[in-house]
């Protein structure tokens, strides 16, 4: 089976075939030094074969994947600069809900 069988292009992105896991997730972990076995533990829906296949795809298509990741990072940076900050009222309500959720119910 070729590495292309493990990765598909879907919704303008790269994903591991038959899963909701993005190739970017695997690549970032791999670049950070995580072993395929560690990546597999971090993504329990994936088999070790899928992780190795994704890494093989990345290694065989580094320029294409690097360009895609750079494009995604640029889009994310633009969104961060243009998003409206969360209102203080909403921040307060979220914090209250979080505290309620973490309070033991008797």
Protein backbone atom coordinates (compact mmCIF):
# COMPACT_ATOMS: atom_id res chain seq x y z
CA UNK A 1 0.00 0.00 0.00
CA UNK A 2 1.39 3.44 -0.89
CA UNK A 3 1.50 6.33 1.57
CA UNK A 4 -1.18 8.10 -0.53
CA UNK A 5 -3.64 5.44 0.64
CA UNK A 6 -3.28 6.70 4.21
CA UNK A 7 -3.97 10.39 3.56
CA UNK A 8 -6.78 12.07 1.68
CA UNK A 9 -7.51 15.65 0.75
CA UNK A 10 -10.91 16.65 2.12
CA UNK A 11 -12.57 19.98 2.99
CA UNK A 12 -9.51 21.91 1.79
CA UNK A 13 -7.23 19.95 4.12
CA UNK A 14 -5.30 16.73 4.54
CA UNK A 15 -6.78 14.01 6.76
CA UNK A 16 -5.90 10.45 7.58
CA UNK A 17 -8.12 8.32 5.37
CA UNK A 18 -11.35 7.25 7.02
CA UNK A 19 -10.78 9.42 10.09
CA UNK A 20 -11.32 12.93 11.40
CA UNK A 21 -7.65 13.30 12.34
CA UNK A 22 -5.80 15.94 10.36
CA UNK A 23 -2.41 15.24 8.87
CA UNK A 24 -1.27 18.48 10.51
CA UNK A 25 -1.88 16.95 13.94
CA UNK A 26 0.41 14.05 13.12
CA UNK A 27 3.06 16.21 11.44
CA UNK A 28 3.30 18.66 14.34
CA UNK A 29 3.78 15.82 16.82
CA UNK A 30 6.31 14.09 14.57
CA UNK A 31 8.25 17.34 14.09
CA UNK A 32 8.27 17.78 17.88
CA UNK A 33 10.05 14.46 18.24
CA UNK A 34 7.15 12.18 19.14
CA UNK A 35 7.61 8.57 18.07
CA UNK A 36 4.94 6.88 15.94
CA UNK A 37 4.02 4.78 19.00
CA UNK A 38 3.52 7.94 21.10
CA UNK A 39 1.47 9.56 18.36
CA UNK A 40 -0.67 6.41 18.17
CA UNK A 41 -1.28 6.59 21.94
CA UNK A 42 -2.25 10.27 21.60
CA UNK A 43 -4.73 9.43 18.84
CA UNK A 44 -6.33 6.18 20.00
CA UNK A 45 -8.67 6.01 17.00
CA UNK A 46 -5.65 5.46 14.73
CA UNK A 47 -3.69 2.29 14.19
CA UNK A 48 0.09 2.28 14.23
CA UNK A 49 -0.04 1.45 10.52
CA UNK A 50 -2.07 4.62 9.86
CA UNK A 51 0.41 6.75 11.80
CA UNK A 52 3.38 5.29 9.92
CA UNK A 53 1.47 5.76 6.65
CA UNK A 54 0.80 9.41 7.48
CA UNK A 55 4.46 9.99 8.35
CA UNK A 56 5.51 8.30 5.11
CA UNK A 57 3.11 10.54 3.19
CA UNK A 58 4.51 13.62 4.92
CA UNK A 59 8.11 12.59 4.20
CA UNK A 60 7.26 11.97 0.55
CA UNK A 61 5.37 15.25 0.14
CA UNK A 62 7.24 17.62 2.45
CA UNK A 63 7.09 20.65 0.15
CA UNK A 64 3.36 20.30 -0.47
CA UNK A 65 2.57 19.67 3.20
CA UNK A 66 4.85 22.52 4.36
CA UNK A 67 3.09 24.93 1.98
CA UNK A 68 -0.30 23.76 3.23
CA UNK A 69 0.72 24.16 6.89
CA UNK A 70 2.15 27.63 6.24
CA UNK A 71 -1.11 28.63 4.56
CA UNK A 72 -3.15 27.33 7.51
CA UNK A 73 -0.91 29.11 10.02
CA UNK A 74 -1.30 32.38 8.09
CA UNK A 75 -5.10 31.98 8.05
CA UNK A 76 -5.10 31.29 11.79
CA UNK A 77 -2.94 34.36 12.49
CA UNK A 78 -5.33 36.51 10.44
CA UNK A 79 -8.32 35.17 12.37
CA UNK A 80 -6.60 35.85 15.69
CA UNK A 81 -5.97 39.47 14.68
CA UNK A 82 -9.50 40.09 13.43
CA UNK A 83 -11.66 38.26 15.96
CA UNK A 84 -13.65 40.31 18.42
CA UNK A 85 -12.53 39.85 22.02
CA UNK A 86 -14.93 37.99 24.28
CA UNK A 87 -17.17 40.32 26.28
CA UNK A 88 -16.58 40.62 30.04
CA UNK A 89 -20.17 39.47 30.67
CA UNK A 90 -19.67 36.30 28.64
CA UNK A 91 -16.32 35.68 30.35
CA UNK A 92 -18.04 35.98 33.73
CA UNK A 93 -20.86 33.60 32.73
CA UNK A 94 -18.39 31.03 31.39
CA UNK A 95 -16.37 31.20 34.60
CA UNK A 96 -19.53 30.77 36.71
CA UNK A 97 -20.60 27.76 34.62
CA UNK A 98 -17.13 26.25 34.90
CA UNK A 99 -17.18 26.63 38.69
CA UNK A 100 -20.65 25.04 38.87
CA UNK A 101 -19.49 22.14 36.72
CA UNK A 102 -16.45 21.56 38.91
CA UNK A 103 -18.33 21.79 42.20
CA UNK A 104 -19.13 18.34 43.58
CA UNK A 105 -22.88 17.68 43.56
CA UNK A 106 -24.22 16.20 46.79
